[in-house]
Amino acid sequence: MPRAPKDFPVPRFPGMDVNEINYRKTEDEQEKALRLHKEKLLFYFKELPAYVFGFAFLGVSAFYCYWVLFTPSTSPEERRYAWSALSAVLGGIVGIVYGRSTK
């Protein structure tokens, strides 16, 4: 059963009052190493695959669009679709880079 909190005399200053006082648990080296290891694994298995898949998808899409644009046998309508898809892919890349730099 946890102990009841004790009142602690806090000095009062004119025009100011105390909101709250918090205690935080200190972290020893073993707990810190374990926490950092868990965060690293979380990054490797949760965040990194999403980035790899996203950039691979954008790269393959851009390669296909360039291939369609510079193949002489493609029709003008296919080239228009390739230009619009390529501009969307490049806009997505710029959006990702710009959005990451502003956080």
C-alpha atoms as a PDB file:
ATOM      1  CA  MET A   1       0.000   0.000   0.000  1.00  0.00           C
ATOM      2  CA  PRO A   2       1.508   3.361  -0.971  1.00  0.00           C
ATOM      3  CA  ARG A   3       2.219   5.905   1.681  1.00  0.00           C
ATOM      4  CA  ALA A   4       0.130   9.006   1.968  1.00  0.00           C
ATOM      5  CA  PRO A   5       1.789  12.152   0.600  1.00  0.00           C
ATOM      6  CA  LYS A   6       3.248  14.483   3.188  1.00  0.00           C
ATOM      7  CA  ASP A   7       2.824  18.207   3.206  1.00  0.00           C
ATOM      8  CA  PHE A   8       6.062  19.965   2.445  1.00  0.00           C
ATOM      9  CA  PRO A   9       6.524  23.600   3.438  1.00  0.00           C
ATOM     10  CA  VAL A  10       7.101  25.580   0.261  1.00  0.00           C
ATOM     11  CA  PRO A  11       8.202  29.193   0.601  1.00  0.00           C
ATOM     12  CA  ARG A  12       5.611  31.635  -0.701  1.00  0.00           C
ATOM     13  CA  PHE A  13       6.487  34.763  -2.619  1.00  0.00           C
ATOM     14  CA  PRO A  14       4.215  37.776  -3.009  1.00  0.00           C
ATOM     15  CA  GLY A  15       2.124  37.604  -6.175  1.00  0.00           C
ATOM     16  CA  MET A  16       3.007  33.952  -6.867  1.00  0.00           C
ATOM     17  CA  ASP A  17       1.579  30.610  -5.789  1.00  0.00           C
ATOM     18  CA  VAL A  18       2.736  27.041  -6.235  1.00  0.00           C
ATOM     19  CA  ASN A  19       1.062  25.017  -8.981  1.00  0.00           C
ATOM     20  CA  GLU A  20       2.453  21.602  -8.319  1.00  0.00           C
ATOM     21  CA  ILE A  21       5.636  19.827  -7.357  1.00  0.00           C
ATOM     22  CA  ASN A  22       6.496  16.598  -9.148  1.00  0.00           C
ATOM     23  CA  TYR A  23       8.956  13.885  -8.341  1.00  0.00           C
ATOM     24  CA  ARG A  24      10.471  11.834 -11.086  1.00  0.00           C
ATOM     25  CA  LYS A  25      12.169   8.521 -10.777  1.00  0.00           C
ATOM     26  CA  THR A  26      15.863   8.531 -11.577  1.00  0.00           C
ATOM     27  CA  GLU A  27      17.008   6.055 -14.167  1.00  0.00           C
ATOM     28  CA  ASP A  28      20.086   3.947 -13.553  1.00  0.00           C
ATOM     29  CA  GLU A  29      22.464   2.914 -16.337  1.00  0.00           C
ATOM     30  CA  GLN A  30      20.950  -0.535 -16.822  1.00  0.00           C
ATOM     31  CA  GLU A  31      17.419   0.849 -17.178  1.00  0.00           C
ATOM     32  CA  LYS A  32      18.669   3.523 -19.572  1.00  0.00           C
ATOM     33  CA  ALA A  33      20.461   0.935 -21.723  1.00  0.00           C
ATOM     34  CA  LEU A  34      17.335  -1.246 -21.800  1.00  0.00           C
ATOM     35  CA  ARG A  35      15.113   1.694 -22.726  1.00  0.00           C
ATOM     36  CA  LEU A  36      17.458   2.788 -25.532  1.00  0.00           C
ATOM     37  CA  HIS A  37      17.641  -0.777 -26.835  1.00  0.00           C
ATOM     38  CA  LYS A  38      13.836  -1.022 -26.915  1.00  0.00           C
ATOM     39  CA  GLU A  39      13.593   2.311 -28.744  1.00  0.00           C
ATOM     40  CA  LYS A  40      16.163   1.131 -31.310  1.00  0.00           C
ATOM     41  CA  LEU A  41      14.245  -2.095 -31.931  1.00  0.00           C
ATOM     42  CA  LEU A  42      11.010  -0.149 -32.227  1.00  0.00           C
ATOM     43  CA  PHE A  43      12.617   2.036 -34.889  1.00  0.00           C
ATOM     44  CA  TYR A  44      13.998  -0.973 -36.796  1.00  0.00           C
ATOM     45  CA  PHE A  45      10.730  -2.896 -36.848  1.00  0.00           C
ATOM     46  CA  LYS A  46       8.110  -0.151 -36.965  1.00  0.00           C
ATOM     47  CA  GLU A  47       9.410   3.020 -38.591  1.00  0.00           C
ATOM     48  CA  LEU A  48      12.278   1.960 -40.857  1.00  0.00           C
ATOM     49  CA  PRO A  49      10.269  -0.507 -43.012  1.00  0.00           C
ATOM     50  CA  ALA A  50       7.688   2.185 -43.745  1.00  0.00           C
ATOM     51  CA  TYR A  51      10.386   4.574 -44.955  1.00  0.00           C
ATOM     52  CA  VAL A  52      12.134   1.883 -47.015  1.00  0.00           C
ATOM     53  CA  PHE A  53       8.886   0.779 -48.629  1.00  0.00           C
ATOM     54  CA  GLY A  54       7.825   4.371 -49.313  1.00  0.00           C
ATOM     55  CA  PHE A  55      11.082   5.413 -50.930  1.00  0.00           C
ATOM     56  CA  ALA A  56      11.287   2.150 -52.918  1.00  0.00           C
ATOM     57  CA  PHE A  57       7.747   2.683 -54.195  1.00  0.00           C
ATOM     58  CA  LEU A  58       8.526   6.274 -55.174  1.00  0.00           C
ATOM     59  CA  GLY A  59      11.760   5.205 -56.861  1.00  0.00           C
ATOM     60  CA  VAL A  60      10.111   2.440 -58.883  1.00  0.00           C
ATOM     61  CA  SER A  61       7.264   4.784 -59.868  1.00  0.00           C
ATOM     62  CA  ALA A  62       9.698   7.483 -60.994  1.00  0.00           C
ATOM     63  CA  PHE A  63      11.776   4.944 -62.953  1.00  0.00           C
ATOM     64  CA  TYR A  64       8.669   3.644 -64.721  1.00  0.00           C
ATOM     65  CA  CYS A  65       7.538   7.160 -65.592  1.00  0.00           C
ATOM     66  CA  TYR A  66      10.955   8.035 -67.047  1.00  0.00           C
ATOM     67  CA  TRP A  67      10.918   4.790 -68.992  1.00  0.00           C
ATOM     68  CA  VAL A  68       7.492   5.603 -70.453  1.00  0.00           C
ATOM     69  CA  LEU A  69       8.550   9.162 -71.296  1.00  0.00           C
ATOM     70  CA  PHE A  70      11.736   8.227 -73.143  1.00  0.00           C
ATOM     71  CA  THR A  71      10.544   5.112 -74.966  1.00  0.00           C
ATOM     72  CA  PRO A  72       9.805   6.081 -78.578  1.00  0.00           C
ATOM     73  CA  SER A  73       6.873   3.650 -78.942  1.00  0.00           C
ATOM     74  CA  THR A  74       4.644   5.268 -76.276  1.00  0.00           C
ATOM     75  CA  SER A  75       1.621   7.260 -77.321  1.00  0.00           C
ATOM     76  CA  PRO A  76       1.170  10.952 -76.475  1.00  0.00           C
ATOM     77  CA  GLU A  77      -1.679  10.106 -74.101  1.00  0.00           C
ATOM     78  CA  GLU A  78       0.540   7.690 -72.140  1.00  0.00           C
ATOM     79  CA  ARG A  79       3.209  10.383 -71.943  1.00  0.00           C
ATOM     80  CA  ARG A  80       0.716  12.852 -70.495  1.00  0.00           C
ATOM     81  CA  TYR A  81      -0.229  10.318 -67.815  1.00  0.00           C
ATOM     82  CA  ALA A  82       3.448   9.650 -67.137  1.00  0.00           C
ATOM     83  CA  TRP A  83       4.162  13.385 -66.747  1.00  0.00           C
ATOM     84  CA  SER A  84       1.289  13.828 -64.315  1.00  0.00           C
ATOM     85  CA  ALA A  85       2.329  10.749 -62.322  1.00  0.00           C
ATOM     86  CA  LEU A  86       5.969  11.876 -62.302  1.00  0.00           C
ATOM     87  CA  SER A  87       5.028  15.336 -61.077  1.00  0.00           C
ATOM     88  CA  ALA A  88       2.939  13.757 -58.299  1.00  0.00           C
ATOM     89  CA  VAL A  89       5.846  11.497 -57.288  1.00  0.00           C
ATOM     90  CA  LEU A  90       8.325  14.370 -57.245  1.00  0.00           C
ATOM     91  CA  GLY A  91       5.842  16.505 -55.344  1.00  0.00           C
ATOM     92  CA  GLY A  92       5.488  13.697 -52.800  1.00  0.00           C
ATOM     93  CA  ILE A  93       9.254  13.500 -52.368  1.00  0.00           C
ATOM     94  CA  VAL A  94       9.507  17.259 -51.878  1.00  0.00           C
ATOM     95  CA  GLY A  95       6.586  17.118 -49.439  1.00  0.00           C
ATOM     96  CA  ILE A  96       8.233  14.374 -47.396  1.00  0.00           C
ATOM     97  CA  VAL A  97      11.582  16.168 -47.285  1.00  0.00           C
ATOM     98  CA  TYR A  98      10.048  19.562 -46.509  1.00  0.00           C
ATOM     99  CA  GLY A  99       7.632  18.126 -43.945  1.00  0.00           C
ATOM    100  CA  ARG A 100      10.459  16.321 -42.141  1.00  0.00           C
ATOM    101  CA  SER A 101      12.643  19.425 -42.030  1.00  0.00           C
ATOM    102  CA  THR A 102       9.947  21.583 -40.446  1.00  0.00           C
ATOM    103  CA  LYS A 103       9.208  19.265 -37.493  1.00  0.00           C
END
